[in-house]
Amino acid sequence: MGLANTYVREGTGVSILGPFLRIVEASDFVAFAFFITLLVMMRFKRLRIVYSLIAFVELFTLFFVARTRMFELICLVILVLWFVLQSKRFSKGVWLVLLTVLVIVGVASVPVINDAFGFTTGDRASSFTIRIEELRYFADQLFNSPIFGIGFLPNNEAFFSLLHGPFTTFSPYLYYLDDLGVFGSIVQFGLPFIVLLLLLCSAIFKRVIQHIDFLTVGSAAFILLMFPTLSPFNAARCVIFGLLCCLLFFHWDEDPDNMAGTSLNTPGNHLKMEITNEDHS
């Protein structure tokens, strides 16, 4: 169980700062579970009341227990997309325009979002300052080995300063590559990894243009929003990243309430499974 630094010791006891003890360890999986819950609600409308309660518990956990701001933001974006993509009346061109407008509005709302979540202000603004220090420190480490990166080093005394910074009285915080999102992965894999990331982003955008629905757009939004501050390749998140890629690139057509004629399409349409009512008889 990962407990964040939201408590202080007073003698032999612990005084909790705030109404809840902050537990951040499972926030990755709670956010992913929230996305899956909305996906189930979108595909199986008869169970919406039950899954609405589950989604509420998951949001409550993120906002009041884990309090991981980036996952809170991701879930809010996913929720907005869930409401917007309910309708199937619009053509693909109209949907592309609407999604473009949503992206523009989101970018223009960055100052408002920053004030609401306190990324650079408030009592947790120090995390932004630490990330700037981490960015400078690990950028120097990257250019010491630009082709191969620093790799995946064991977390022991021999590599402690390389993985966690100087950690002196002038810099009393430990640095973590996971705090830097996809940049931390570039530090580990080297500059050539940027080419793979560009290819991935290109494939994501092509997939979204081909299939404008909640499954595809939601998976793409989840992946892309992780990139700035949440490394998708750490020990726990790589599982979620793999599952999101599967959801994004393996696409179910038609409504599962009517299984006749449902097909599974992969990129390039190399695989297509036809499921008929006779198969289930």
C-alpha atoms as a PDB file:
ATOM      1  CA  MET A   1       0.000   0.000   0.000  1.00  0.00           C
ATOM      2  CA  GLY A   2       1.490   3.339  -1.030  1.00  0.00           C
ATOM      3  CA  LEU A   3       0.824   6.135   1.440  1.00  0.00           C
ATOM      4  CA  ALA A   4       1.521   9.649   0.231  1.00  0.00           C
ATOM      5  CA  ASN A   5       3.105  12.336   2.402  1.00  0.00           C
ATOM      6  CA  THR A   6      -0.183  13.754   3.626  1.00  0.00           C
ATOM      7  CA  TYR A   7       0.436  13.035   7.296  1.00  0.00           C
ATOM      8  CA  VAL A   8       2.885  14.263   9.938  1.00  0.00           C
ATOM      9  CA  ARG A   9       4.201  12.528  13.021  1.00  0.00           C
ATOM     10  CA  GLU A  10       3.366  14.033  16.376  1.00  0.00           C
ATOM     11  CA  GLY A  11       5.201  12.166  19.099  1.00  0.00           C
ATOM     12  CA  THR A  12       4.219   8.520  18.756  1.00  0.00           C
ATOM     13  CA  GLY A  13       1.063   9.209  16.750  1.00  0.00           C
ATOM     14  CA  VAL A  14       0.229  10.258  13.214  1.00  0.00           C
ATOM     15  CA  SER A  15      -1.823  13.346  12.414  1.00  0.00           C
ATOM     16  CA  ILE A  16      -3.594  13.079   9.074  1.00  0.00           C
ATOM     17  CA  LEU A  17      -3.658  16.242   6.974  1.00  0.00           C
ATOM     18  CA  GLY A  18      -7.125  16.336   5.455  1.00  0.00           C
ATOM     19  CA  PRO A  19     -10.249  14.161   5.852  1.00  0.00           C
ATOM     20  CA  PHE A  20      -8.641  11.026   4.347  1.00  0.00           C
ATOM     21  CA  LEU A  21      -5.275   9.336   4.397  1.00  0.00           C
ATOM     22  CA  ARG A  22      -4.026   9.574   0.819  1.00  0.00           C
ATOM     23  CA  ILE A  23      -3.462   6.108  -0.715  1.00  0.00           C
ATOM     24  CA  VAL A  24      -2.075   6.445  -4.238  1.00  0.00           C
ATOM     25  CA  GLU A  25      -0.804   2.963  -5.076  1.00  0.00           C
ATOM     26  CA  ALA A  26      -3.859   1.638  -6.950  1.00  0.00           C
ATOM     27  CA  SER A  27      -4.932   4.890  -8.627  1.00  0.00           C
ATOM     28  CA  ASP A  28      -3.711   3.648 -12.039  1.00  0.00           C
ATOM     29  CA  PHE A  29      -6.021   0.649 -11.954  1.00  0.00           C
ATOM     30  CA  VAL A  30      -8.944   2.583 -10.457  1.00  0.00           C
ATOM     31  CA  ALA A  31      -8.783   5.104 -13.335  1.00  0.00           C
ATOM     32  CA  PHE A  32      -8.604   2.276 -15.883  1.00  0.00           C
ATOM     33  CA  ALA A  33     -11.512   0.502 -14.155  1.00  0.00           C
ATOM     34  CA  PHE A  34     -13.536   3.720 -14.406  1.00  0.00           C
ATOM     35  CA  PHE A  35     -12.937   3.805 -18.177  1.00  0.00           C
ATOM     36  CA  ILE A  36     -13.961   0.143 -18.506  1.00  0.00           C
ATOM     37  CA  THR A  37     -17.078   0.807 -16.411  1.00  0.00           C
ATOM     38  CA  LEU A  38     -18.144   3.626 -18.743  1.00  0.00           C
ATOM     39  CA  LEU A  39     -17.388   1.400 -21.725  1.00  0.00           C
ATOM     40  CA  VAL A  40     -19.665  -1.318 -20.333  1.00  0.00           C
ATOM     41  CA  MET A  41     -22.369   1.282 -19.676  1.00  0.00           C
ATOM     42  CA  MET A  42     -22.072   2.470 -23.274  1.00  0.00           C
ATOM     43  CA  ARG A  43     -22.284  -1.032 -24.741  1.00  0.00           C
ATOM     44  CA  PHE A  44     -24.781  -2.659 -22.375  1.00  0.00           C
ATOM     45  CA  LYS A  45     -27.398  -0.027 -21.589  1.00  0.00           C
ATOM     46  CA  ARG A  46     -29.592  -2.323 -19.486  1.00  0.00           C
ATOM     47  CA  LEU A  47     -27.014  -2.369 -16.661  1.00  0.00           C
ATOM     48  CA  ARG A  48     -26.467   1.393 -16.417  1.00  0.00           C
ATOM     49  CA  ILE A  49     -27.905   1.848 -12.919  1.00  0.00           C
ATOM     50  CA  VAL A  50     -25.623  -0.774 -11.385  1.00  0.00           C
ATOM     51  CA  TYR A  51     -22.533   0.427 -13.227  1.00  0.00           C
ATOM     52  CA  SER A  52     -23.335   4.067 -12.453  1.00  0.00           C
ATOM     53  CA  LEU A  53     -22.941   3.235  -8.761  1.00  0.00           C
ATOM     54  CA  ILE A  54     -19.654   1.454  -9.485  1.00  0.00           C
ATOM     55  CA  ALA A  55     -18.402   4.458 -11.490  1.00  0.00           C
ATOM     56  CA  PHE A  56     -19.340   6.771  -8.599  1.00  0.00           C
ATOM     57  CA  VAL A  57     -17.318   4.678  -6.134  1.00  0.00           C
ATOM     58  CA  GLU A  58     -14.338   4.710  -8.503  1.00  0.00           C
ATOM     59  CA  LEU A  59     -14.492   8.502  -8.920  1.00  0.00           C
ATOM     60  CA  PHE A  60     -14.865   8.937  -5.159  1.00  0.00           C
ATOM     61  CA  THR A  61     -11.757   6.805  -4.638  1.00  0.00           C
ATOM     62  CA  LEU A  62      -9.735   8.880  -7.104  1.00  0.00           C
ATOM     63  CA  PHE A  63     -10.807  12.286  -5.807  1.00  0.00           C
ATOM     64  CA  PHE A  64     -10.892  11.634  -2.050  1.00  0.00           C
ATOM     65  CA  VAL A  65      -8.553   8.695  -1.409  1.00  0.00           C
ATOM     66  CA  ALA A  66      -5.876   8.560  -4.128  1.00  0.00           C
ATOM     67  CA  ARG A  67      -6.076  12.269  -5.065  1.00  0.00           C
ATOM     68  CA  THR A  68      -3.838  11.734  -8.080  1.00  0.00           C
ATOM     69  CA  ARG A  69      -4.578  14.872 -10.056  1.00  0.00           C
ATOM     70  CA  MET A  70      -3.603  13.641 -13.502  1.00  0.00           C
ATOM     71  CA  PHE A  71      -5.802  10.565 -13.211  1.00  0.00           C
ATOM     72  CA  GLU A  72      -8.614  12.778 -11.940  1.00  0.00           C
ATOM     73  CA  LEU A  73      -8.236  14.920 -15.058  1.00  0.00           C
ATOM     74  CA  ILE A  74      -8.081  11.858 -17.319  1.00  0.00           C
ATOM     75  CA  CYS A  75     -11.290  10.468 -15.836  1.00  0.00           C
ATOM     76  CA  LEU A  76     -13.091  13.796 -16.236  1.00  0.00           C
ATOM     77  CA  VAL A  77     -12.031  13.961 -19.899  1.00  0.00           C
ATOM     78  CA  ILE A  78     -13.176  10.355 -20.384  1.00  0.00           C
ATOM     79  CA  LEU A  79     -16.516  11.212 -18.758  1.00  0.00           C
ATOM     80  CA  VAL A  80     -17.019  14.214 -21.073  1.00  0.00           C
ATOM     81  CA  LEU A  81     -16.246  12.024 -24.098  1.00  0.00           C
ATOM     82  CA  TRP A  82     -18.732   9.441 -22.820  1.00  0.00           C
ATOM     83  CA  PHE A  83     -21.512  12.038 -22.783  1.00  0.00           C
ATOM     84  CA  VAL A  84     -20.524  13.597 -26.124  1.00  0.00           C
ATOM     85  CA  LEU A  85     -20.225  10.280 -27.980  1.00  0.00           C
ATOM     86  CA  GLN A  86     -23.633   8.978 -26.883  1.00  0.00           C
ATOM     87  CA  SER A  87     -25.251  10.138 -30.124  1.00  0.00           C
ATOM     88  CA  LYS A  88     -24.777   8.211 -33.373  1.00  0.00           C
ATOM     89  CA  ARG A  89     -26.626  10.661 -35.603  1.00  0.00           C
ATOM     90  CA  PHE A  90     -23.653  12.637 -36.880  1.00  0.00           C
ATOM     91  CA  SER A  91     -21.452  11.819 -39.849  1.00  0.00           C
ATOM     92  CA  LYS A  92     -17.725  11.165 -39.465  1.00  0.00           C
ATOM     93  CA  GLY A  93     -16.904  14.670 -40.742  1.00  0.00           C
ATOM     94  CA  VAL A  94     -19.130  16.293 -38.115  1.00  0.00           C
ATOM     95  CA  TRP A  95     -17.577  14.163 -35.386  1.00  0.00           C
ATOM     96  CA  LEU A  96     -14.075  15.184 -36.459  1.00  0.00           C
ATOM     97  CA  VAL A  97     -15.087  18.846 -36.246  1.00  0.00           C
ATOM     98  CA  LEU A  98     -16.650  18.333 -32.801  1.00  0.00           C
ATOM     99  CA  LEU A  99     -13.576  16.508 -31.470  1.00  0.00           C
ATOM    100  CA  THR A 100     -11.314  19.227 -32.883  1.00  0.00           C
ATOM    101  CA  VAL A 101     -13.418  21.857 -31.107  1.00  0.00           C
ATOM    102  CA  LEU A 102     -13.182  19.864 -27.866  1.00  0.00           C
ATOM    103  CA  VAL A 103      -9.391  19.731 -28.161  1.00  0.00           C
ATOM    104  CA  ILE A 104      -9.195  23.495 -28.807  1.00  0.00           C
ATOM    105  CA  VAL A 105     -11.484  24.220 -25.850  1.00  0.00           C
ATOM    106  CA  GLY A 106      -9.394  21.907 -23.670  1.00  0.00           C
ATOM    107  CA  VAL A 107      -6.144  23.655 -24.611  1.00  0.00           C
ATOM    108  CA  ALA A 108      -7.716  27.086 -24.069  1.00  0.00           C
ATOM    109  CA  SER A 109      -8.951  25.930 -20.638  1.00  0.00           C
ATOM    110  CA  VAL A 110      -5.476  25.018 -19.367  1.00  0.00           C
ATOM    111  CA  PRO A 111      -5.301  28.058 -17.007  1.00  0.00           C
ATOM    112  CA  VAL A 112      -8.720  27.187 -15.572  1.00  0.00           C
ATOM    113  CA  ILE A 113      -7.764  23.530 -15.196  1.00  0.00           C
ATOM    114  CA  ASN A 114      -4.519  24.547 -13.505  1.00  0.00           C
ATOM    115  CA  ASP A 115      -6.391  26.697 -10.991  1.00  0.00           C
ATOM    116  CA  ALA A 116      -8.941  23.946 -10.341  1.00  0.00           C
ATOM    117  CA  PHE A 117      -6.434  21.105  -9.847  1.00  0.00           C
ATOM    118  CA  GLY A 118      -3.547  23.172  -8.443  1.00  0.00           C
ATOM    119  CA  PHE A 119      -0.816  21.784 -10.696  1.00  0.00           C
ATOM    120  CA  THR A 120       1.374  24.874 -10.220  1.00  0.00           C
ATOM    121  CA  THR A 121      -0.475  26.593  -7.378  1.00  0.00           C
ATOM    122  CA  GLY A 122      -1.811  25.733  -3.945  1.00  0.00           C
ATOM    123  CA  ASP A 123      -0.454  23.461  -1.227  1.00  0.00           C
ATOM    124  CA  ARG A 124       0.785  20.853  -3.732  1.00  0.00           C
ATOM    125  CA  ALA A 125       2.543  23.267  -6.087  1.00  0.00           C
ATOM    126  CA  SER A 126       5.900  21.986  -4.871  1.00  0.00           C
ATOM    127  CA  SER A 127       5.430  18.852  -6.997  1.00  0.00           C
ATOM    128  CA  PHE A 128       5.565  21.036 -10.132  1.00  0.00           C
ATOM    129  CA  THR A 129       8.803  22.650  -8.949  1.00  0.00           C
ATOM    130  CA  ILE A 130      10.311  19.231  -8.238  1.00  0.00           C
ATOM    131  CA  ARG A 131       9.345  18.012 -11.711  1.00  0.00           C
ATOM    132  CA  ILE A 132      11.150  20.974 -13.285  1.00  0.00           C
ATOM    133  CA  GLU A 133      14.265  20.045 -11.301  1.00  0.00           C
ATOM    134  CA  GLU A 134      13.852  16.410 -12.347  1.00  0.00           C
ATOM    135  CA  LEU A 135      13.506  17.432 -15.991  1.00  0.00           C
ATOM    136  CA  ARG A 136      16.789  19.352 -15.905  1.00  0.00           C
ATOM    137  CA  TYR A 137      18.623  16.624 -14.039  1.00  0.00           C
ATOM    138  CA  PHE A 138      17.501  13.698 -16.216  1.00  0.00           C
ATOM    139  CA  ALA A 139      17.996  15.702 -19.427  1.00  0.00           C
ATOM    140  CA  ASP A 140      21.684  15.890 -18.512  1.00  0.00           C
ATOM    141  CA  GLN A 141      21.701  12.131 -17.875  1.00  0.00           C
ATOM    142  CA  LEU A 142      20.055  11.481 -21.251  1.00  0.00           C
ATOM    143  CA  PHE A 143      22.642  13.428 -23.230  1.00  0.00           C
ATOM    144  CA  ASN A 144      25.420  11.549 -21.452  1.00  0.00           C
ATOM    145  CA  SER A 145      24.099   8.443 -23.267  1.00  0.00           C
ATOM    146  CA  PRO A 146      21.743   9.680 -26.016  1.00  0.00           C
ATOM    147  CA  ILE A 147      21.611   6.527 -28.152  1.00  0.00           C
ATOM    148  CA  PHE A 148      20.969   3.825 -25.556  1.00  0.00           C
ATOM    149  CA  GLY A 149      19.701   5.926 -22.636  1.00  0.00           C
ATOM    150  CA  ILE A 150      20.403   4.942 -19.047  1.00  0.00           C
ATOM    151  CA  GLY A 151      18.459   1.673 -19.303  1.00  0.00           C
ATOM    152  CA  PHE A 152      16.730  -0.051 -16.397  1.00  0.00           C
ATOM    153  CA  LEU A 153      19.229   0.151 -13.572  1.00  0.00           C
ATOM    154  CA  PRO A 154      18.859  -1.673 -10.245  1.00  0.00           C
ATOM    155  CA  ASN A 155      17.638   0.572  -7.468  1.00  0.00           C
ATOM    156  CA  ASN A 156      20.624   0.177  -5.134  1.00  0.00           C
ATOM    157  CA  GLU A 157      23.356   2.347  -3.647  1.00  0.00           C
ATOM    158  CA  ALA A 158      25.581   2.096  -6.718  1.00  0.00           C
ATOM    159  CA  PHE A 159      23.013   3.822  -8.938  1.00  0.00           C
ATOM    160  CA  PHE A 160      21.083   5.782  -6.293  1.00  0.00           C
ATOM    161  CA  SER A 161      22.217   9.263  -7.354  1.00  0.00           C
ATOM    162  CA  LEU A 162      21.679   8.463 -11.038  1.00  0.00           C
ATOM    163  CA  LEU A 163      18.100   7.319 -10.451  1.00  0.00           C
ATOM    164  CA  HIS A 164      17.046   9.704  -7.678  1.00  0.00           C
ATOM    165  CA  GLY A 165      19.156  12.854  -8.030  1.00  0.00           C
ATOM    166  CA  PRO A 166      21.698  14.444  -5.678  1.00  0.00           C
ATOM    167  CA  PHE A 167      19.470  14.312  -2.551  1.00  0.00           C
ATOM    168  CA  THR A 168      21.385  16.881  -0.486  1.00  0.00           C
ATOM    169  CA  THR A 169      20.347  19.503   2.029  1.00  0.00           C
ATOM    170  CA  PHE A 170      19.868  21.847  -0.926  1.00  0.00           C
ATOM    171  CA  SER A 171      17.748  19.283  -2.790  1.00  0.00           C
ATOM    172  CA  PRO A 172      15.986  17.182  -0.131  1.00  0.00           C
ATOM    173  CA  TYR A 173      13.646  15.404  -2.587  1.00  0.00           C
ATOM    174  CA  LEU A 174      14.103  12.103  -4.346  1.00  0.00           C
ATOM    175  CA  TYR A 175      13.755  12.249  -8.128  1.00  0.00           C
ATOM    176  CA  TYR A 176      11.766   9.643 -10.060  1.00  0.00           C
ATOM    177  CA  LEU A 177      11.680   8.991 -13.808  1.00  0.00           C
ATOM    178  CA  ASP A 178       7.991   8.076 -13.547  1.00  0.00           C
ATOM    179  CA  ASP A 179       7.195  11.693 -12.628  1.00  0.00           C
ATOM    180  CA  LEU A 180       8.252  12.860 -16.094  1.00  0.00           C
ATOM    181  CA  GLY A 181       5.853  10.738 -18.097  1.00  0.00           C
ATOM    182  CA  VAL A 182       7.021   9.695 -21.524  1.00  0.00           C
ATOM    183  CA  PHE A 183      10.176  11.836 -21.209  1.00  0.00           C
ATOM    184  CA  GLY A 184      11.305   9.503 -18.422  1.00  0.00           C
ATOM    185  CA  SER A 185      10.890   6.617 -20.864  1.00  0.00           C
ATOM    186  CA  ILE A 186      13.025   8.470 -23.427  1.00  0.00           C
ATOM    187  CA  VAL A 187      15.737   8.849 -20.772  1.00  0.00           C
ATOM    188  CA  GLN A 188      15.633   5.091 -20.207  1.00  0.00           C
ATOM    189  CA  PHE A 189      15.431   3.969 -23.857  1.00  0.00           C
ATOM    190  CA  GLY A 190      17.422   6.760 -25.550  1.00  0.00           C
ATOM    191  CA  LEU A 191      16.619   9.321 -28.236  1.00  0.00           C
ATOM    192  CA  PRO A 192      15.769   6.691 -30.934  1.00  0.00           C
ATOM    193  CA  PHE A 193      12.720   5.859 -28.796  1.00  0.00           C
ATOM    194  CA  ILE A 194      11.215   9.172 -29.992  1.00  0.00           C
ATOM    195  CA  VAL A 195      10.763   7.611 -33.445  1.00  0.00           C
ATOM    196  CA  LEU A 196       8.669   4.789 -31.956  1.00  0.00           C
ATOM    197  CA  LEU A 197       6.583   7.301 -30.007  1.00  0.00           C
ATOM    198  CA  LEU A 198       5.895   9.315 -33.174  1.00  0.00           C
ATOM    199  CA  LEU A 199       4.855   6.147 -34.997  1.00  0.00           C
ATOM    200  CA  LEU A 200       2.563   5.247 -32.097  1.00  0.00           C
ATOM    201  CA  CYS A 201       0.960   8.708 -32.072  1.00  0.00           C
ATOM    202  CA  SER A 202       0.489   8.542 -35.841  1.00  0.00           C
ATOM    203  CA  ALA A 203      -1.214   5.141 -35.548  1.00  0.00           C
ATOM    204  CA  ILE A 204      -3.449   6.447 -32.745  1.00  0.00           C
ATOM    205  CA  PHE A 205      -4.623   9.464 -34.756  1.00  0.00           C
ATOM    206  CA  LYS A 206      -5.284   7.316 -37.846  1.00  0.00           C
ATOM    207  CA  ARG A 207      -7.302   4.889 -35.739  1.00  0.00           C
ATOM    208  CA  VAL A 208      -9.378   7.685 -34.226  1.00  0.00           C
ATOM    209  CA  ILE A 209     -10.160   9.072 -37.688  1.00  0.00           C
ATOM    210  CA  GLN A 210     -11.243   5.599 -38.848  1.00  0.00           C
ATOM    211  CA  HIS A 211     -13.387   4.768 -35.803  1.00  0.00           C
ATOM    212  CA  ILE A 212     -14.971   7.699 -33.987  1.00  0.00           C
ATOM    213  CA  ASP A 213     -16.617   6.007 -31.026  1.00  0.00           C
ATOM    214  CA  PHE A 214     -16.133   5.955 -27.271  1.00  0.00           C
ATOM    215  CA  LEU A 215     -14.007   2.793 -27.272  1.00  0.00           C
ATOM    216  CA  THR A 216     -11.461   4.235 -29.715  1.00  0.00           C
ATOM    217  CA  VAL A 217     -11.493   7.912 -28.731  1.00  0.00           C
ATOM    218  CA  GLY A 218     -11.547   7.109 -25.010  1.00  0.00           C
ATOM    219  CA  SER A 219      -8.604   4.696 -25.275  1.00  0.00           C
ATOM    220  CA  ALA A 220      -6.642   7.227 -27.349  1.00  0.00           C
ATOM    221  CA  ALA A 221      -7.375  10.048 -24.886  1.00  0.00           C
ATOM    222  CA  PHE A 222      -6.341   7.887 -21.922  1.00  0.00           C
ATOM    223  CA  ILE A 223      -3.003   6.985 -23.553  1.00  0.00           C
ATOM    224  CA  LEU A 224      -2.146  10.497 -24.764  1.00  0.00           C
ATOM    225  CA  LEU A 225      -3.064  12.168 -21.466  1.00  0.00           C
ATOM    226  CA  MET A 226      -0.757   9.809 -19.581  1.00  0.00           C
ATOM    227  CA  PHE A 227       2.248  10.924 -21.623  1.00  0.00           C
ATOM    228  CA  PRO A 228       3.002  14.316 -19.946  1.00  0.00           C
ATOM    229  CA  THR A 229       3.424  13.180 -16.317  1.00  0.00           C
ATOM    230  CA  LEU A 230       2.589   9.460 -16.106  1.00  0.00           C
ATOM    231  CA  SER A 231       5.073   7.050 -17.640  1.00  0.00           C
ATOM    232  CA  PRO A 232       3.105   4.303 -19.437  1.00  0.00           C
ATOM    233  CA  PHE A 233       6.087   1.940 -19.197  1.00  0.00           C
ATOM    234  CA  ASN A 234       6.585   1.598 -15.448  1.00  0.00           C
ATOM    235  CA  ALA A 235       6.004  -1.754 -13.749  1.00  0.00           C
ATOM    236  CA  ALA A 236       2.282  -1.310 -13.077  1.00  0.00           C
ATOM    237  CA  ARG A 237       1.222   1.074 -15.825  1.00  0.00           C
ATOM    238  CA  CYS A 238       2.672  -0.966 -18.678  1.00  0.00           C
ATOM    239  CA  VAL A 239      -0.122  -3.502 -18.093  1.00  0.00           C
ATOM    240  CA  ILE A 240      -2.744  -0.764 -18.442  1.00  0.00           C
ATOM    241  CA  PHE A 241      -0.940   0.648 -21.477  1.00  0.00           C
ATOM    242  CA  GLY A 242      -1.000  -2.761 -23.174  1.00  0.00           C
ATOM    243  CA  LEU A 243      -4.694  -3.244 -22.457  1.00  0.00           C
ATOM    244  CA  LEU A 244      -5.496   0.235 -23.780  1.00  0.00           C
ATOM    245  CA  CYS A 245      -3.597  -0.512 -26.998  1.00  0.00           C
ATOM    246  CA  CYS A 246      -5.601  -3.720 -27.380  1.00  0.00           C
ATOM    247  CA  LEU A 247      -8.859  -1.817 -26.910  1.00  0.00           C
ATOM    248  CA  LEU A 248      -7.713   0.862 -29.334  1.00  0.00           C
ATOM    249  CA  PHE A 249      -6.446  -1.312 -32.185  1.00  0.00           C
ATOM    250  CA  PHE A 250      -8.798  -4.305 -31.864  1.00  0.00           C
ATOM    251  CA  HIS A 251     -12.200  -2.866 -32.581  1.00  0.00           C
ATOM    252  CA  TRP A 252     -15.585  -4.510 -32.086  1.00  0.00           C
ATOM    253  CA  ASP A 253     -18.226  -3.412 -34.595  1.00  0.00           C
ATOM    254  CA  GLU A 254     -21.975  -3.367 -33.989  1.00  0.00           C
ATOM    255  CA  ASP A 255     -23.852  -3.431 -30.689  1.00  0.00           C
ATOM    256  CA  PRO A 256     -23.165  -6.470 -28.464  1.00  0.00           C
ATOM    257  CA  ASP A 257     -26.860  -6.496 -27.501  1.00  0.00           C
ATOM    258  CA  ASN A 258     -27.348  -7.884 -31.005  1.00  0.00           C
ATOM    259  CA  MET A 259     -24.494 -10.339 -31.529  1.00  0.00           C
ATOM    260  CA  ALA A 260     -25.511 -11.354 -35.058  1.00  0.00           C
ATOM    261  CA  GLY A 261     -22.979 -10.033 -37.534  1.00  0.00           C
ATOM    262  CA  THR A 262     -20.603  -8.700 -34.908  1.00  0.00           C
ATOM    263  CA  SER A 263     -17.020  -8.539 -36.175  1.00  0.00           C
ATOM    264  CA  LEU A 264     -13.559  -8.006 -34.735  1.00  0.00           C
ATOM    265  CA  ASN A 265     -11.376  -5.760 -36.886  1.00  0.00           C
ATOM    266  CA  THR A 266      -7.645  -5.278 -36.421  1.00  0.00           C
ATOM    267  CA  PRO A 267      -5.426  -2.713 -38.176  1.00  0.00           C
ATOM    268  CA  GLY A 268      -5.270  -3.581 -41.867  1.00  0.00           C
ATOM    269  CA  ASN A 269      -8.322  -5.854 -41.505  1.00  0.00           C
ATOM    270  CA  HIS A 270      -6.067  -8.934 -41.388  1.00  0.00           C
ATOM    271  CA  LEU A 271      -8.426 -10.627 -38.958  1.00  0.00           C
ATOM    272  CA  LYS A 272     -12.191 -10.652 -39.049  1.00  0.00           C
ATOM    273  CA  MET A 273     -14.387 -12.945 -37.015  1.00  0.00           C
ATOM    274  CA  GLU A 274     -18.049 -13.268 -37.884  1.00  0.00           C
ATOM    275  CA  ILE A 275     -20.256 -14.257 -34.996  1.00  0.00           C
ATOM    276  CA  THR A 276     -23.731 -15.420 -35.888  1.00  0.00           C
ATOM    277  CA  ASN A 277     -26.693 -16.537 -33.872  1.00  0.00           C
ATOM    278  CA  GLU A 278     -26.071 -20.105 -35.041  1.00  0.00           C
ATOM    279  CA  ASP A 279     -22.665 -20.076 -33.311  1.00  0.00           C
ATOM    280  CA  HIS A 280     -24.397 -19.543 -29.974  1.00  0.00           C
ATOM    281  CA  SER A 281     -27.204 -22.044 -30.487  1.00  0.00           C
END
